[in-house]
PDB file of N, CA and C in Angstrom:
ATOM      1  N   MET A   1       0.918  -1.125   0.027  1.00  0.00           N
ATOM      2  CA  MET A   1       0.037  -0.005  -0.051  1.00  0.00           C
ATOM      3  C   MET A   1       0.934   1.185  -0.040  1.00  0.00           C
ATOM      4  N   THR A   2       0.621   2.081  -0.959  1.00  0.00           N
ATOM      5  CA  THR A   2       1.302   3.354  -1.048  1.00  0.00           C
ATOM      6  C   THR A   2       0.571   4.408  -0.219  1.00  0.00           C
ATOM      7  N   LEU A   3       1.298   4.912   0.759  1.00  0.00           N
ATOM      8  CA  LEU A   3       0.652   6.025   1.713  1.00  0.00           C
ATOM      9  C   LEU A   3       1.304   7.434   1.461  1.00  0.00           C
ATOM     10  N   LYS A   4       0.516   8.390   1.587  1.00  0.00           N
ATOM     11  CA  LYS A   4       0.977   9.716   1.390  1.00  0.00           C
ATOM     12  C   LYS A   4       0.749  10.598   2.714  1.00  0.00           C
ATOM     13  N   ARG A   5       1.617  11.500   2.970  1.00  0.00           N
ATOM     14  CA  ARG A   5       1.531  12.350   4.101  1.00  0.00           C
ATOM     15  C   ARG A   5       0.087  13.014   4.090  1.00  0.00           C
ATOM     16  N   GLY A   6      -0.557  13.022   5.201  1.00  0.00           N
ATOM     17  CA  GLY A   6      -1.934  13.471   5.239  1.00  0.00           C
ATOM     18  C   GLY A   6      -3.078  12.491   5.040  1.00  0.00           C
ATOM     19  N   ASP A   7      -2.691  11.212   4.582  1.00  0.00           N
ATOM     20  CA  ASP A   7      -3.736  10.173   4.388  1.00  0.00           C
ATOM     21  C   ASP A   7      -4.358  10.019   5.808  1.00  0.00           C
ATOM     22  N   VAL A   8      -5.520   9.808   5.797  1.00  0.00           N
ATOM     23  CA  VAL A   8      -6.295   9.308   7.009  1.00  0.00           C
ATOM     24  C   VAL A   8      -6.601   7.838   6.722  1.00  0.00           C
ATOM     25  N   ALA A   9      -6.288   7.012   7.677  1.00  0.00           N
ATOM     26  CA  ALA A   9      -6.315   5.589   7.473  1.00  0.00           C
ATOM     27  C   ALA A   9      -6.908   4.887   8.689  1.00  0.00           C
ATOM     28  N   LEU A  10      -7.297   3.689   8.589  1.00  0.00           N
ATOM     29  CA  LEU A  10      -7.619   2.797   9.655  1.00  0.00           C
ATOM     30  C   LEU A  10      -6.468   2.073   9.872  1.00  0.00           C
ATOM     31  N   ALA A  11      -5.797   1.863  11.123  1.00  0.00           N
ATOM     32  CA  ALA A  11      -4.623   1.015  11.495  1.00  0.00           C
ATOM     33  C   ALA A  11      -4.741   0.604  12.788  1.00  0.00           C
ATOM     34  N   ARG A  12      -3.963  -0.438  13.134  1.00  0.00           N
ATOM     35  CA  ARG A  12      -3.835  -0.980  14.427  1.00  0.00           C
ATOM     36  C   ARG A  12      -2.832  -0.124  15.150  1.00  0.00           C
ATOM     37  N   PHE A  13      -3.230   0.844  16.008  1.00  0.00           N
ATOM     38  CA  PHE A  13      -2.427   1.791  16.574  1.00  0.00           C
ATOM     39  C   PHE A  13      -2.053   1.087  17.963  1.00  0.00           C
ATOM     40  N   PRO A  14      -0.668   1.146  18.461  1.00  0.00           N
ATOM     41  CA  PRO A  14      -0.369   0.473  19.594  1.00  0.00           C
ATOM     42  C   PRO A  14      -0.663   1.254  20.756  1.00  0.00           C
ATOM     43  N   HIS A  15      -1.043   0.588  21.944  1.00  0.00           N
ATOM     44  CA  HIS A  15      -1.319   1.124  23.259  1.00  0.00           C
ATOM     45  C   HIS A  15       0.170   1.771  23.651  1.00  0.00           C
ATOM     46  N   THR A  16       0.014   2.876  24.496  1.00  0.00           N
ATOM     47  CA  THR A  16       1.169   3.428  25.055  1.00  0.00           C
ATOM     48  C   THR A  16       1.869   2.502  25.883  1.00  0.00           C
ATOM     49  N   ALA A  17       1.264   1.341  26.476  1.00  0.00           N
ATOM     50  CA  ALA A  17       1.938   0.326  27.319  1.00  0.00           C
ATOM     51  C   ALA A  17       2.786  -0.532  26.357  1.00  0.00           C
ATOM     52  N   GLY A  18       2.703  -0.508  25.115  1.00  0.00           N
ATOM     53  CA  GLY A  18       3.291  -1.350  24.168  1.00  0.00           C
ATOM     54  C   GLY A  18       2.573  -2.512  23.694  1.00  0.00           C
ATOM     55  N   THR A  19       1.357  -2.693  24.151  1.00  0.00           N
ATOM     56  CA  THR A  19       0.692  -3.832  23.796  1.00  0.00           C
ATOM     57  C   THR A  19       0.097  -3.641  22.236  1.00  0.00           C
ATOM     58  N   ARG A  20      -0.625  -4.533  21.776  1.00  0.00           N
ATOM     59  CA  ARG A  20      -0.966  -4.573  20.429  1.00  0.00           C
ATOM     60  C   ARG A  20      -1.878  -3.341  20.099  1.00  0.00           C
ATOM     61  N   GLY A  21      -2.799  -2.959  20.855  1.00  0.00           N
ATOM     62  CA  GLY A  21      -3.554  -1.798  20.446  1.00  0.00           C
ATOM     63  C   GLY A  21      -4.873  -2.020  19.823  1.00  0.00           C
ATOM     64  N   LYS A  22      -5.527  -1.146  19.313  1.00  0.00           N
ATOM     65  CA  LYS A  22      -6.799  -1.424  18.617  1.00  0.00           C
ATOM     66  C   LYS A  22      -6.835  -0.648  17.219  1.00  0.00           C
ATOM     67  N   LYS A  23      -7.831  -1.196  16.387  1.00  0.00           N
ATOM     68  CA  LYS A  23      -7.907  -0.441  15.053  1.00  0.00           C
ATOM     69  C   LYS A  23      -8.564   0.803  15.288  1.00  0.00           C
ATOM     70  N   ARG A  24      -8.159   1.824  14.874  1.00  0.00           N
ATOM     71  CA  ARG A  24      -8.471   3.243  14.959  1.00  0.00           C
ATOM     72  C   ARG A  24      -7.949   4.135  13.921  1.00  0.00           C
ATOM     73  N   PRO A  25      -8.637   5.404  13.675  1.00  0.00           N
ATOM     74  CA  PRO A  25      -8.194   6.184  12.570  1.00  0.00           C
ATOM     75  C   PRO A  25      -6.785   6.797  13.007  1.00  0.00           C
ATOM     76  N   VAL A  26      -6.024   7.016  11.960  1.00  0.00           N
ATOM     77  CA  VAL A  26      -4.672   7.643  12.135  1.00  0.00           C
ATOM     78  C   VAL A  26      -4.529   8.572  10.961  1.00  0.00           C
ATOM     79  N   VAL A  27      -3.482   9.483  11.109  1.00  0.00           N
ATOM     80  CA  VAL A  27      -3.060  10.309  10.020  1.00  0.00           C
ATOM     81  C   VAL A  27      -1.582  10.057   9.644  1.00  0.00           C
ATOM     82  N   VAL A  28      -1.101   9.953   8.470  1.00  0.00           N
ATOM     83  CA  VAL A  28       0.206   9.736   8.220  1.00  0.00           C
ATOM     84  C   VAL A  28       0.991  11.104   8.353  1.00  0.00           C
ATOM     85  N   VAL A  29       2.017  11.127   9.105  1.00  0.00           N
ATOM     86  CA  VAL A  29       2.714  12.421   9.311  1.00  0.00           C
ATOM     87  C   VAL A  29       3.985  12.355   8.666  1.00  0.00           C
ATOM     88  N   GLN A  30       4.555  11.245   8.245  1.00  0.00           N
ATOM     89  CA  GLN A  30       5.922  10.898   7.689  1.00  0.00           C
ATOM     90  C   GLN A  30       5.838  11.521   6.290  1.00  0.00           C
ATOM     91  N   ASP A  31       6.987  12.059   5.891  1.00  0.00           N
ATOM     92  CA  ASP A  31       7.284  12.628   4.565  1.00  0.00           C
ATOM     93  C   ASP A  31       7.211  11.595   3.460  1.00  0.00           C
ATOM     94  N   GLU A  32       6.498  11.911   2.328  1.00  0.00           N
ATOM     95  CA  GLU A  32       6.216  11.047   1.309  1.00  0.00           C
ATOM     96  C   GLU A  32       7.521  10.205   0.812  1.00  0.00           C
ATOM     97  N   SER A  33       8.580  10.973   0.790  1.00  0.00           N
ATOM     98  CA  SER A  33       9.841  10.351   0.220  1.00  0.00           C
ATOM     99  C   SER A  33      10.313   9.145   1.106  1.00  0.00           C
ATOM    100  N   TYR A  34      10.005   9.120   2.355  1.00  0.00           N
ATOM    101  CA  TYR A  34      10.291   8.064   3.196  1.00  0.00           C
ATOM    102  C   TYR A  34       9.197   6.936   3.081  1.00  0.00           C
ATOM    103  N   ASN A  35       7.908   7.355   2.764  1.00  0.00           N
ATOM    104  CA  ASN A  35       6.872   6.397   2.724  1.00  0.00           C
ATOM    105  C   ASN A  35       7.089   5.411   1.647  1.00  0.00           C
ATOM    106  N   GLN A  36       7.681   5.840   0.374  1.00  0.00           N
ATOM    107  CA  GLN A  36       8.033   4.979  -0.691  1.00  0.00           C
ATOM    108  C   GLN A  36       9.200   4.042  -0.450  1.00  0.00           C
ATOM    109  N   GLN A  37      10.050   4.334   0.489  1.00  0.00           N
ATOM    110  CA  GLN A  37      11.286   3.450   0.720  1.00  0.00           C
ATOM    111  C   GLN A  37      11.121   2.529   1.907  1.00  0.00           C
ATOM    112  N   ALA A  38      10.472   2.898   2.839  1.00  0.00           N
ATOM    113  CA  ALA A  38      10.434   2.061   4.169  1.00  0.00           C
ATOM    114  C   ALA A  38       9.249   1.319   4.244  1.00  0.00           C
ATOM    115  N   PRO A  39       9.399   0.155   5.019  1.00  0.00           N
ATOM    116  CA  PRO A  39       8.228  -0.674   5.294  1.00  0.00           C
ATOM    117  C   PRO A  39       7.351  -0.234   6.602  1.00  0.00           C
ATOM    118  N   HIS A  40       7.703   0.903   7.018  1.00  0.00           N
ATOM    119  CA  HIS A  40       6.971   1.402   8.182  1.00  0.00           C
ATOM    120  C   HIS A  40       6.756   2.889   7.910  1.00  0.00           C
ATOM    121  N   VAL A  41       5.778   3.373   8.761  1.00  0.00           N
ATOM    122  CA  VAL A  41       5.361   4.879   8.592  1.00  0.00           C
ATOM    123  C   VAL A  41       5.089   5.442   9.993  1.00  0.00           C
ATOM    124  N   ILE A  42       5.241   6.681  10.094  1.00  0.00           N
ATOM    125  CA  ILE A  42       4.889   7.451  11.236  1.00  0.00           C
ATOM    126  C   ILE A  42       3.579   8.092  11.110  1.00  0.00           C
ATOM    127  N   VAL A  43       2.610   7.683  12.195  1.00  0.00           N
ATOM    128  CA  VAL A  43       1.256   8.145  12.208  1.00  0.00           C
ATOM    129  C   VAL A  43       0.957   8.808  13.522  1.00  0.00           C
ATOM    130  N   ALA A  44      -0.088   9.680  13.491  1.00  0.00           N
ATOM    131  CA  ALA A  44      -0.523  10.359  14.664  1.00  0.00           C
ATOM    132  C   ALA A  44      -1.960   9.754  14.951  1.00  0.00           C
ATOM    133  N   GLU A  45      -2.306   9.487  16.160  1.00  0.00           N
ATOM    134  CA  GLU A  45      -3.530   8.913  16.592  1.00  0.00           C
ATOM    135  C   GLU A  45      -4.729   9.956  16.332  1.00  0.00           C
ATOM    136  N   ILE A  46      -5.949   9.487  15.954  1.00  0.00           N
ATOM    137  CA  ILE A  46      -6.972  10.385  15.829  1.00  0.00           C
ATOM    138  C   ILE A  46      -8.086   9.758  16.876  1.00  0.00           C
ATOM    139  N   THR A  47      -8.745  10.706  17.699  1.00  0.00           N
ATOM    140  CA  THR A  47      -9.598  10.306  18.610  1.00  0.00           C
ATOM    141  C   THR A  47     -10.872  11.123  18.481  1.00  0.00           C
ATOM    142  N   SER A  48     -12.004  10.474  18.940  1.00  0.00           N
ATOM    143  CA  SER A  48     -13.389  11.261  18.910  1.00  0.00           C
ATOM    144  C   SER A  48     -13.605  11.866  20.273  1.00  0.00           C
ATOM    145  N   ASN A  49     -12.572  11.654  21.348  1.00  0.00           N
ATOM    146  CA  ASN A  49     -12.599  12.239  22.552  1.00  0.00           C
ATOM    147  C   ASN A  49     -12.090  13.622  22.494  1.00  0.00           C
ATOM    148  N   LEU A  50     -13.106  14.621  22.484  1.00  0.00           N
ATOM    149  CA  LEU A  50     -12.753  16.070  22.332  1.00  0.00           C
ATOM    150  C   LEU A  50     -12.327  16.845  23.507  1.00  0.00           C
ATOM    151  N   THR A  51     -11.911  16.151  24.622  1.00  0.00           N
ATOM    152  CA  THR A  51     -11.611  16.736  25.729  1.00  0.00           C
ATOM    153  C   THR A  51     -10.440  17.817  25.606  1.00  0.00           C
ATOM    154  N   ASN A  52      -9.472  17.499  24.756  1.00  0.00           N
ATOM    155  CA  ASN A  52      -8.265  18.368  24.597  1.00  0.00           C
ATOM    156  C   ASN A  52      -8.508  19.483  23.436  1.00  0.00           C
ATOM    157  N   VAL A  53      -9.783  19.654  22.843  1.00  0.00           N
ATOM    158  CA  VAL A  53     -10.068  20.531  21.804  1.00  0.00           C
ATOM    159  C   VAL A  53      -9.318  21.893  21.883  1.00  0.00           C
ATOM    160  N   ASN A  54      -8.923  22.329  22.958  1.00  0.00           N
ATOM    161  CA  ASN A  54      -8.436  23.675  23.152  1.00  0.00           C
ATOM    162  C   ASN A  54      -6.892  23.724  23.289  1.00  0.00           C
ATOM    163  N   ASP A  55      -6.307  22.416  23.295  1.00  0.00           N
ATOM    164  CA  ASP A  55      -4.943  22.213  23.350  1.00  0.00           C
ATOM    165  C   ASP A  55      -4.099  22.511  21.973  1.00  0.00           C
ATOM    166  N   PRO A  56      -3.101  23.406  21.879  1.00  0.00           N
ATOM    167  CA  PRO A  56      -2.555  23.499  20.614  1.00  0.00           C
ATOM    168  C   PRO A  56      -1.744  22.416  20.065  1.00  0.00           C
ATOM    169  N   ALA A  57      -1.583  21.208  20.759  1.00  0.00           N
ATOM    170  CA  ALA A  57      -1.034  20.121  20.218  1.00  0.00           C
ATOM    171  C   ALA A  57      -1.924  19.082  19.440  1.00  0.00           C
ATOM    172  N   TYR A  58      -3.264  19.396  19.646  1.00  0.00           N
ATOM    173  CA  TYR A  58      -4.270  18.728  18.903  1.00  0.00           C
ATOM    174  C   TYR A  58      -4.874  19.479  17.723  1.00  0.00           C
ATOM    175  N   LEU A  59      -5.159  18.779  16.517  1.00  0.00           N
ATOM    176  CA  LEU A  59      -5.913  19.363  15.435  1.00  0.00           C
ATOM    177  C   LEU A  59      -7.254  18.966  15.555  1.00  0.00           C
ATOM    178  N   PHE A  60      -8.141  19.976  15.480  1.00  0.00           N
ATOM    179  CA  PHE A  60      -9.635  19.703  15.543  1.00  0.00           C
ATOM    180  C   PHE A  60     -10.110  19.397  14.093  1.00  0.00           C
ATOM    181  N   ILE A  61     -10.976  18.387  13.840  1.00  0.00           N
ATOM    182  CA  ILE A  61     -11.458  18.101  12.598  1.00  0.00           C
ATOM    183  C   ILE A  61     -12.964  18.126  12.636  1.00  0.00           C
ATOM    184  N   ASP A  62     -13.591  19.112  11.992  1.00  0.00           N
ATOM    185  CA  ASP A  62     -15.122  19.255  12.110  1.00  0.00           C
ATOM    186  C   ASP A  62     -15.659  18.644  10.777  1.00  0.00           C
ATOM    187  N   ILE A  63     -16.333  17.409  11.075  1.00  0.00           N
ATOM    188  CA  ILE A  63     -16.801  16.789   9.767  1.00  0.00           C
ATOM    189  C   ILE A  63     -17.888  17.439   9.099  1.00  0.00           C
ATOM    190  N   SER A  64     -18.436  18.529   9.633  1.00  0.00           N
ATOM    191  CA  SER A  64     -19.562  19.231   8.948  1.00  0.00           C
ATOM    192  C   SER A  64     -19.120  20.071   7.854  1.00  0.00           C
ATOM    193  N   THR A  65     -17.658  20.276   7.802  1.00  0.00           N
ATOM    194  CA  THR A  65     -17.033  21.086   6.762  1.00  0.00           C
ATOM    195  C   THR A  65     -16.695  20.342   5.628  1.00  0.00           C
ATOM    196  N   PRO A  66     -16.447  20.825   4.499  1.00  0.00           N
ATOM    197  CA  PRO A  66     -15.875  20.141   3.186  1.00  0.00           C
ATOM    198  C   PRO A  66     -14.611  19.539   3.572  1.00  0.00           C
ATOM    199  N   GLU A  67     -13.606  20.221   4.252  1.00  0.00           N
ATOM    200  CA  GLU A  67     -12.396  19.649   4.518  1.00  0.00           C
ATOM    201  C   GLU A  67     -12.558  18.460   5.502  1.00  0.00           C
ATOM    202  N   GLY A  68     -13.545  18.548   6.536  1.00  0.00           N
ATOM    203  CA  GLY A  68     -13.598  17.522   7.453  1.00  0.00           C
ATOM    204  C   GLY A  68     -14.353  16.198   6.629  1.00  0.00           C
ATOM    205  N   LYS A  69     -15.219  16.428   5.771  1.00  0.00           N
ATOM    206  CA  LYS A  69     -15.871  15.325   5.104  1.00  0.00           C
ATOM    207  C   LYS A  69     -14.696  14.561   4.337  1.00  0.00           C
ATOM    208  N   ALA A  70     -13.789  15.303   3.703  1.00  0.00           N
ATOM    209  CA  ALA A  70     -12.670  14.698   2.884  1.00  0.00           C
ATOM    210  C   ALA A  70     -11.725  13.749   3.709  1.00  0.00           C
ATOM    211  N   THR A  71     -11.895  13.913   5.040  1.00  0.00           N
ATOM    212  CA  THR A  71     -11.002  13.047   5.963  1.00  0.00           C
ATOM    213  C   THR A  71     -11.614  11.578   5.991  1.00  0.00           C
ATOM    214  N   GLY A  72     -12.843  11.288   5.706  1.00  0.00           N
ATOM    215  CA  GLY A  72     -13.493  10.182   5.859  1.00  0.00           C
ATOM    216  C   GLY A  72     -13.914   9.700   7.238  1.00  0.00           C
ATOM    217  N   LEU A  73     -13.683  10.642   8.188  1.00  0.00           N
ATOM    218  CA  LEU A  73     -14.084  10.346   9.503  1.00  0.00           C
ATOM    219  C   LEU A  73     -15.640  10.562   9.746  1.00  0.00           C
ATOM    220  N   THR A  74     -16.126   9.722  10.764  1.00  0.00           N
ATOM    221  CA  THR A  74     -17.637   9.712  10.942  1.00  0.00           C
ATOM    222  C   THR A  74     -18.078  10.586  12.040  1.00  0.00           C
ATOM    223  N   SER A  75     -17.085  11.198  12.885  1.00  0.00           N
ATOM    224  CA  SER A  75     -17.403  12.057  13.956  1.00  0.00           C
ATOM    225  C   SER A  75     -16.421  13.149  14.101  1.00  0.00           C
ATOM    226  N   ASP A  76     -16.751  14.253  14.673  1.00  0.00           N
ATOM    227  CA  ASP A  76     -15.757  15.311  15.088  1.00  0.00           C
ATOM    228  C   ASP A  76     -14.623  14.636  15.738  1.00  0.00           C
ATOM    229  N   SER A  77     -13.411  14.947  15.460  1.00  0.00           N
ATOM    230  CA  SER A  77     -12.254  14.298  15.997  1.00  0.00           C
ATOM    231  C   SER A  77     -11.028  15.250  16.202  1.00  0.00           C
ATOM    232  N   LEU A  78     -10.161  14.678  17.019  1.00  0.00           N
ATOM    233  CA  LEU A  78      -8.896  15.438  17.315  1.00  0.00           C
ATOM    234  C   LEU A  78      -7.754  14.525  16.810  1.00  0.00           C
ATOM    235  N   VAL A  79      -6.764  15.176  16.050  1.00  0.00           N
ATOM    236  CA  VAL A  79      -5.552  14.468  15.756  1.00  0.00           C
ATOM    237  C   VAL A  79      -4.606  14.788  16.857  1.00  0.00           C
ATOM    238  N   SER A  80      -4.218  13.802  17.606  1.00  0.00           N
ATOM    239  CA  SER A  80      -3.163  13.978  18.694  1.00  0.00           C
ATOM    240  C   SER A  80      -1.739  14.000  18.298  1.00  0.00           C
ATOM    241  N   CYS A  81      -1.083  15.072  18.339  1.00  0.00           N
ATOM    242  CA  CYS A  81       0.310  15.121  17.962  1.00  0.00           C
ATOM    243  C   CYS A  81       1.211  14.752  19.171  1.00  0.00           C
ATOM    244  N   LEU A  82       0.476  14.403  20.157  1.00  0.00           N
ATOM    245  CA  LEU A  82       1.330  13.870  21.505  1.00  0.00           C
ATOM    246  C   LEU A  82       1.367  12.284  21.389  1.00  0.00           C
ATOM    247  N   HIS A  83       0.529  11.778  20.434  1.00  0.00           N
ATOM    248  CA  HIS A  83       0.452  10.255  20.358  1.00  0.00           C
ATOM    249  C   HIS A  83       0.870   9.985  18.958  1.00  0.00           C
ATOM    250  N   LEU A  84       2.149   9.689  18.788  1.00  0.00           N
ATOM    251  CA  LEU A  84       2.735   9.373  17.540  1.00  0.00           C
ATOM    252  C   LEU A  84       3.217   7.937  17.630  1.00  0.00           C
ATOM    253  N   ALA A  85       3.162   7.135  16.469  1.00  0.00           N
ATOM    254  CA  ALA A  85       3.793   5.965  16.537  1.00  0.00           C
ATOM    255  C   ALA A  85       4.431   5.534  15.198  1.00  0.00           C
ATOM    256  N   THR A  86       5.392   4.761  15.203  1.00  0.00           N
ATOM    257  CA  THR A  86       5.985   4.083  13.928  1.00  0.00           C
ATOM    258  C   THR A  86       5.349   2.673  13.929  1.00  0.00           C
ATOM    259  N   ILE A  87       4.648   2.388  12.812  1.00  0.00           N
ATOM    260  CA  ILE A  87       4.031   1.158  12.611  1.00  0.00           C
ATOM    261  C   ILE A  87       4.454   0.540  11.220  1.00  0.00           C
ATOM    262  N   ASN A  88       4.372  -0.692  11.117  1.00  0.00           N
ATOM    263  CA  ASN A  88       4.630  -1.295   9.849  1.00  0.00           C
ATOM    264  C   ASN A  88       3.422  -1.085   8.956  1.00  0.00           C
ATOM    265  N   THR A  89       3.684  -0.669   7.689  1.00  0.00           N
ATOM    266  CA  THR A  89       2.676  -0.521   6.625  1.00  0.00           C
ATOM    267  C   THR A  89       1.606  -1.547   6.679  1.00  0.00           C
ATOM    268  N   ASP A  90       1.959  -2.829   7.015  1.00  0.00           N
ATOM    269  CA  ASP A  90       1.024  -3.883   6.925  1.00  0.00           C
ATOM    270  C   ASP A  90      -0.074  -3.763   8.056  1.00  0.00           C
ATOM    271  N   ARG A  91       0.189  -2.935   9.019  1.00  0.00           N
ATOM    272  CA  ARG A  91      -0.768  -2.546  10.017  1.00  0.00           C
ATOM    273  C   ARG A  91      -1.922  -1.559   9.628  1.00  0.00           C
ATOM    274  N   VAL A  92      -1.603  -1.144   8.393  1.00  0.00           N
ATOM    275  CA  VAL A  92      -2.697  -0.096   7.819  1.00  0.00           C
ATOM    276  C   VAL A  92      -3.687  -0.928   7.145  1.00  0.00           C
ATOM    277  N   VAL A  93      -4.994  -0.826   7.590  1.00  0.00           N
ATOM    278  CA  VAL A  93      -6.165  -1.550   6.937  1.00  0.00           C
ATOM    279  C   VAL A  93      -6.632  -1.052   5.602  1.00  0.00           C
ATOM    280  N   GLN A  94      -6.895   0.349   5.746  1.00  0.00           N
ATOM    281  CA  GLN A  94      -7.299   1.058   4.447  1.00  0.00           C
ATOM    282  C   GLN A  94      -7.238   2.468   4.787  1.00  0.00           C
ATOM    283  N   VAL A  95      -7.026   3.167   3.524  1.00  0.00           N
ATOM    284  CA  VAL A  95      -7.075   4.763   3.583  1.00  0.00           C
ATOM    285  C   VAL A  95      -8.573   5.033   3.439  1.00  0.00           C
ATOM    286  N   ILE A  96      -8.982   5.970   4.351  1.00  0.00           N
ATOM    287  CA  ILE A  96     -10.466   6.394   4.144  1.00  0.00           C
ATOM    288  C   ILE A  96     -10.662   7.865   3.818  1.00  0.00           C
ATOM    289  N   GLY A  97      -9.615   8.565   3.684  1.00  0.00           N
ATOM    290  CA  GLY A  97      -9.676   9.898   3.307  1.00  0.00           C
ATOM    291  C   GLY A  97      -8.245  10.625   3.374  1.00  0.00           C
ATOM    292  N   SER A  98      -8.322  12.043   3.422  1.00  0.00           N
ATOM    293  CA  SER A  98      -7.075  12.702   3.587  1.00  0.00           C
ATOM    294  C   SER A  98      -7.301  14.047   4.039  1.00  0.00           C
ATOM    295  N   LEU A  99      -6.248  14.722   4.585  1.00  0.00           N
ATOM    296  CA  LEU A  99      -6.250  16.106   5.096  1.00  0.00           C
ATOM    297  C   LEU A  99      -6.081  17.049   3.874  1.00  0.00           C
ATOM    298  N   SER A 100      -6.595  18.116   3.880  1.00  0.00           N
ATOM    299  CA  SER A 100      -6.438  19.206   2.910  1.00  0.00           C
ATOM    300  C   SER A 100      -5.146  19.898   3.248  1.00  0.00           C
ATOM    301  N   VAL A 101      -4.812  20.688   2.226  1.00  0.00           N
ATOM    302  CA  VAL A 101      -3.482  21.392   2.255  1.00  0.00           C
ATOM    303  C   VAL A 101      -3.671  22.377   3.664  1.00  0.00           C
ATOM    304  N   SER A 102      -4.712  23.021   3.725  1.00  0.00           N
ATOM    305  CA  SER A 102      -4.935  23.864   4.990  1.00  0.00           C
ATOM    306  C   SER A 102      -4.963  23.094   6.269  1.00  0.00           C
ATOM    307  N   LEU A 103      -5.484  21.846   6.365  1.00  0.00           N
ATOM    308  CA  LEU A 103      -5.395  20.968   7.592  1.00  0.00           C
ATOM    309  C   LEU A 103      -3.975  20.501   7.857  1.00  0.00           C
ATOM    310  N   LEU A 104      -3.246  20.190   6.678  1.00  0.00           N
ATOM    311  CA  LEU A 104      -1.928  19.864   6.826  1.00  0.00           C
ATOM    312  C   LEU A 104      -1.086  20.812   7.377  1.00  0.00           C
ATOM    313  N   GLN A 105      -1.205  22.145   7.017  1.00  0.00           N
ATOM    314  CA  GLN A 105      -0.387  23.185   7.631  1.00  0.00           C
ATOM    315  C   GLN A 105      -0.795  23.388   9.017  1.00  0.00           C
ATOM    316  N   GLN A 106      -2.054  23.261   9.424  1.00  0.00           N
ATOM    317  CA  GLN A 106      -2.271  23.272  10.911  1.00  0.00           C
ATOM    318  C   GLN A 106      -1.831  22.286  11.629  1.00  0.00           C
ATOM    319  N   LEU A 107      -1.687  21.035  10.971  1.00  0.00           N
ATOM    320  CA  LEU A 107      -1.143  19.862  11.653  1.00  0.00           C
ATOM    321  C   LEU A 107       0.229  20.077  11.871  1.00  0.00           C
ATOM    322  N   ASP A 108       1.017  20.695  10.874  1.00  0.00           N
ATOM    323  CA  ASP A 108       2.421  21.100  11.066  1.00  0.00           C
ATOM    324  C   ASP A 108       2.670  21.937  12.277  1.00  0.00           C
ATOM    325  N   GLY A 109       1.636  22.869  12.523  1.00  0.00           N
ATOM    326  CA  GLY A 109       1.702  23.698  13.654  1.00  0.00           C
ATOM    327  C   GLY A 109       1.575  22.922  15.037  1.00  0.00           C
ATOM    328  N   CYS A 110       0.665  22.015  14.879  1.00  0.00           N
ATOM    329  CA  CYS A 110       0.533  21.136  16.125  1.00  0.00           C
ATOM    330  C   CYS A 110       1.562  20.245  16.455  1.00  0.00           C
ATOM    331  N   LEU A 111       2.218  19.769  15.345  1.00  0.00           N
ATOM    332  CA  LEU A 111       3.521  18.836  15.568  1.00  0.00           C
ATOM    333  C   LEU A 111       4.581  19.627  16.174  1.00  0.00           C
ATOM    334  N   LYS A 112       4.749  20.879  15.655  1.00  0.00           N
ATOM    335  CA  LYS A 112       5.785  21.791  16.282  1.00  0.00           C
ATOM    336  C   LYS A 112       5.510  22.002  17.626  1.00  0.00           C
ATOM    337  N   THR A 113       4.342  22.314  18.015  1.00  0.00           N
ATOM    338  CA  THR A 113       3.911  22.528  19.519  1.00  0.00           C
ATOM    339  C   THR A 113       4.233  21.360  20.342  1.00  0.00           C
ATOM    340  N   ALA A 114       3.821  20.243  19.808  1.00  0.00           N
ATOM    341  CA  ALA A 114       4.017  19.012  20.676  1.00  0.00           C
ATOM    342  C   ALA A 114       5.464  18.512  20.888  1.00  0.00           C
ATOM    343  N   GLN A 115       6.250  18.915  19.744  1.00  0.00           N
ATOM    344  CA  GLN A 115       7.642  18.496  19.833  1.00  0.00           C
ATOM    345  C   GLN A 115       8.590  19.644  20.245  1.00  0.00           C
ATOM    346  N   GLY A 116       7.994  20.734  20.638  1.00  0.00           N
ATOM    347  CA  GLY A 116       8.866  21.888  21.148  1.00  0.00           C
ATOM    348  C   GLY A 116       9.716  22.466  20.035  1.00  0.00           C
ATOM    349  N   LEU A 117       9.209  22.430  18.761  1.00  0.00           N
ATOM    350  CA  LEU A 117      10.163  22.921  17.722  1.00  0.00           C
ATOM    351  C   LEU A 117       9.773  24.443  17.371  1.00  0.00           C
ATOM    352  N   PRO A 118      10.703  25.148  16.772  1.00  0.00           N
ATOM    353  CA  PRO A 118      10.353  26.575  16.548  1.00  0.00           C
ATOM    354  C   PRO A 118       9.556  26.780  15.316  1.00  0.00           C
TER     355      PRO A 118
END
């Protein structure tokens, strides 16, 4: 499966304790040039728990907007830039949508905040 940065997919995302985890939506954050070479990909967890909606390390996705609909998500969600994982591409079940250029730019800001980058 060829993945692109910004793809929203269903994947087996590992629990923070290192156990197998559950199938959930994720967004590909790894640069496309690495996606073509490596058998793994860096993804950010997507959650429908909106508790952290005002935290700058989380990207809010409103599914009532055209950009939100294009993600393929079924409920308003947050992309957590605090919960990243490197997974084998065979753990990606299917791509369900993608982030727009605007949402990708916002995601970059969230990643910078979460990682303490300028």
